[in-house]
Amino acid sequence: MAHISRPVTDASNLVFVLNGPNLNLLGTREPEFYGRDTLDDIASLLEDRAATLGLAIDLRQSNHEGHLIDWLHEAASRGAKAVILNAGGLTHTSVALRDAVKAIATPVIEVHLSNPHARESFRHRSHLAPVCRGTIAGFGALGYRLALDAAATF
C-alpha cells in the first residue's frame, strides 16, 4: 500500500488521490493502455501542480477495496476539498465503493488513464460515475492533473 503525502495544516486545501487495484504496477502493466508513467511519476506531477494551485495532496494506493472505502470516509471526516479516485477494475464491480462515494459530501472526481469505452464491453459501465462530480478518462497521467485543476475550483 503506497502513501505519499506532505504535512497539511489546512484540510480545506487537501485533495486525496486514491488509487485502486493494480495501479501500483503502472509503468510496466499494459503500457499500451496505461502508459509508461509510474505512480511515483504521477505523484511528482501532482505535487508540482498542487503547489502552484495552493493545494496539498495525499496520494494513496491499495489493492484492497476496504482501504479505499475507509480513505473516502477519512477524506470526508477531515474536511478535504476533494477526492480524485482511480478505482481501477473496482469501477465496474464495486457497489460498496459506489455507496461510499455517495455517502460523503466531499466531491469525488473519477479518473481513468485509458478510455474504458474504447476497451472491452465489461469496462463500459462505471458504478461510480453516477455518484461522482465528474469523470476524466483517456488522457493518461494528464487526467490526474486535469482532475486536480477541476478540484481547485471547488
Protein backbone atom coordinates (compact mmCIF):
# COMPACT_ATOMS: atom_id res chain seq x y z
CA MET A 1 0.00 0.00 0.00
CA ALA A 2 1.59 3.26 -1.13
CA HIS A 3 1.06 6.51 0.71
CA ILE A 4 2.64 9.77 -0.38
CA SER A 5 1.75 12.99 1.39
CA ARG A 6 3.19 16.07 2.97
CA PRO A 7 2.09 17.65 6.26
CA VAL A 8 -1.17 19.53 5.93
CA THR A 9 -2.40 22.14 8.36
CA ASP A 10 -5.48 23.25 6.42
CA ALA A 11 -7.59 20.29 5.24
CA SER A 12 -9.78 22.63 3.18
CA ASN A 13 -6.91 22.71 0.65
CA LEU A 14 -6.25 18.97 0.83
CA VAL A 15 -7.05 16.69 -2.10
CA PHE A 16 -6.96 12.94 -1.55
CA VAL A 17 -5.75 10.99 -4.61
CA LEU A 18 -6.88 7.39 -4.20
CA ASN A 19 -5.72 4.60 -6.48
CA GLY A 20 -7.14 1.10 -6.54
CA PRO A 21 -6.07 -2.40 -7.51
CA ASN A 22 -3.05 -2.94 -9.74
CA LEU A 23 -2.21 0.75 -10.04
CA ASN A 24 0.99 0.05 -8.12
CA LEU A 25 2.10 -1.64 -11.36
CA LEU A 26 1.78 1.49 -13.50
CA GLY A 27 4.63 1.93 -15.93
CA THR A 28 5.02 -1.81 -16.51
CA ARG A 29 1.47 -3.20 -16.68
CA GLU A 30 -0.04 -2.98 -20.16
CA PRO A 31 1.69 0.29 -21.12
CA GLU A 32 -0.27 0.33 -24.39
CA PHE A 33 -3.37 1.14 -22.28
CA TYR A 34 -1.99 2.81 -19.17
CA GLY A 35 1.22 4.47 -20.41
CA ARG A 36 4.73 4.32 -19.02
CA ASP A 37 4.27 6.77 -16.14
CA THR A 38 4.59 5.16 -12.72
CA LEU A 39 2.50 6.10 -9.71
CA ASP A 40 5.58 7.93 -8.38
CA ASP A 41 5.73 9.92 -11.65
CA ILE A 42 2.08 10.86 -11.23
CA ALA A 43 2.69 11.84 -7.59
CA SER A 44 5.53 14.16 -8.65
CA LEU A 45 3.37 15.72 -11.37
CA LEU A 46 0.58 16.29 -8.86
CA GLU A 47 2.85 17.65 -6.12
CA ASP A 48 4.23 20.27 -8.54
CA ARG A 49 0.77 21.24 -9.80
CA ALA A 50 -0.72 21.27 -6.29
CA ALA A 51 1.97 23.68 -5.10
CA THR A 52 1.08 26.01 -7.97
CA LEU A 53 -2.60 25.84 -7.07
CA GLY A 54 -2.05 26.29 -3.33
CA LEU A 55 -3.24 22.75 -2.64
CA ALA A 56 -1.77 19.73 -0.90
CA ILE A 57 -2.25 16.15 -1.99
CA ASP A 58 -2.43 12.92 -0.08
CA LEU A 59 -1.81 10.14 -2.60
CA ARG A 60 -2.58 6.55 -1.64
CA GLN A 61 -2.81 3.20 -3.41
CA SER A 62 -4.23 -0.09 -2.27
CA ASN A 63 -5.22 -3.37 -3.84
CA HIS A 64 -7.96 -3.72 -1.21
CA GLU A 65 -11.46 -2.32 -1.63
CA GLY A 66 -11.93 -1.71 2.09
CA HIS A 67 -8.92 0.61 2.25
CA LEU A 68 -10.42 2.79 -0.48
CA ILE A 69 -13.73 2.93 1.38
CA ASP A 70 -12.01 3.83 4.66
CA TRP A 71 -9.99 6.54 2.90
CA LEU A 72 -13.13 8.05 1.34
CA HIS A 73 -14.65 8.25 4.82
CA GLU A 74 -11.41 9.77 6.14
CA ALA A 75 -11.38 12.42 3.40
CA ALA A 76 -14.89 13.45 4.39
CA SER A 77 -14.20 13.44 8.14
CA ARG A 78 -11.05 15.53 7.67
CA GLY A 79 -12.91 18.08 5.53
CA ALA A 80 -10.84 17.51 2.40
CA LYS A 81 -11.52 19.75 -0.56
CA ALA A 82 -11.96 16.83 -2.97
CA VAL A 83 -11.04 13.26 -3.80
CA ILE A 84 -9.53 12.13 -7.09
CA LEU A 85 -10.34 8.43 -7.43
CA ASN A 86 -8.95 5.90 -9.88
CA ALA A 87 -10.65 2.75 -8.63
CA GLY A 88 -9.20 0.57 -11.39
CA GLY A 89 -11.25 -2.57 -12.01
CA LEU A 90 -13.43 -1.85 -8.95
CA THR A 91 -15.06 0.87 -11.05
CA HIS A 92 -17.02 -1.79 -12.88
CA THR A 93 -17.79 -4.14 -9.98
CA SER A 94 -17.98 -2.43 -6.59
CA VAL A 95 -21.36 -1.39 -5.28
CA ALA A 96 -19.74 -0.90 -1.85
CA LEU A 97 -17.31 1.68 -3.27
CA ARG A 98 -20.19 3.39 -5.07
CA ASP A 99 -22.12 3.57 -1.81
CA ALA A 100 -19.09 5.07 -0.03
CA VAL A 101 -18.76 7.81 -2.67
CA LYS A 102 -22.47 8.53 -2.46
CA ALA A 103 -22.36 8.65 1.35
CA ILE A 104 -19.87 11.52 1.60
CA ALA A 105 -20.36 15.20 0.81
CA THR A 106 -16.77 15.61 -0.39
CA PRO A 107 -16.73 15.91 -4.20
CA VAL A 108 -15.17 12.90 -5.93
CA ILE A 109 -13.67 13.02 -9.42
CA GLU A 110 -13.35 9.66 -11.18
CA VAL A 111 -10.17 9.28 -13.24
CA HIS A 112 -9.15 6.59 -15.73
CA LEU A 113 -5.84 6.53 -17.58
CA SER A 114 -7.36 4.72 -20.55
CA ASN A 115 -10.77 5.26 -22.15
CA PRO A 116 -12.95 2.45 -20.76
CA HIS A 117 -15.46 2.92 -23.60
CA ALA A 118 -12.77 2.09 -26.16
CA ARG A 119 -12.00 -1.20 -24.42
CA GLU A 120 -13.77 -4.43 -23.51
CA SER A 121 -17.54 -4.16 -23.07
CA PHE A 122 -17.40 -5.08 -19.37
CA ARG A 123 -15.45 -1.84 -18.80
CA HIS A 124 -18.16 0.34 -20.35
CA ARG A 125 -20.22 0.59 -17.16
CA SER A 126 -18.99 2.55 -14.17
CA HIS A 127 -20.81 2.08 -10.89
CA LEU A 128 -19.04 5.23 -9.70
CA ALA A 129 -19.79 7.73 -12.46
CA PRO A 130 -23.41 8.40 -11.40
CA VAL A 131 -22.30 9.41 -7.88
CA CYS A 132 -19.11 11.30 -8.79
CA ARG A 133 -18.86 15.01 -9.52
CA GLY A 134 -17.29 14.19 -12.90
CA THR A 135 -15.19 11.72 -14.84
CA ILE A 136 -11.95 12.21 -16.77
CA ALA A 137 -10.83 9.32 -18.96
CA GLY A 138 -8.44 8.51 -21.76
CA PHE A 139 -5.73 11.12 -21.23
CA GLY A 140 -3.16 9.02 -19.38
CA ALA A 141 -1.38 10.67 -16.46
CA LEU A 142 -2.60 14.07 -17.69
CA GLY A 143 -6.06 13.05 -16.45
CA TYR A 144 -4.89 13.34 -12.87
CA ARG A 145 -3.65 16.88 -13.46
CA LEU A 146 -6.91 17.80 -15.16
CA ALA A 147 -8.79 16.41 -12.16
CA LEU A 148 -6.60 18.41 -9.77
CA ASP A 149 -7.27 21.57 -11.78
CA ALA A 150 -11.01 20.84 -11.53
CA ALA A 151 -10.73 20.17 -7.78
CA ALA A 152 -9.09 23.56 -7.29
CA THR A 153 -12.32 25.20 -8.44
CA PHE A 154 -14.50 23.60 -5.74
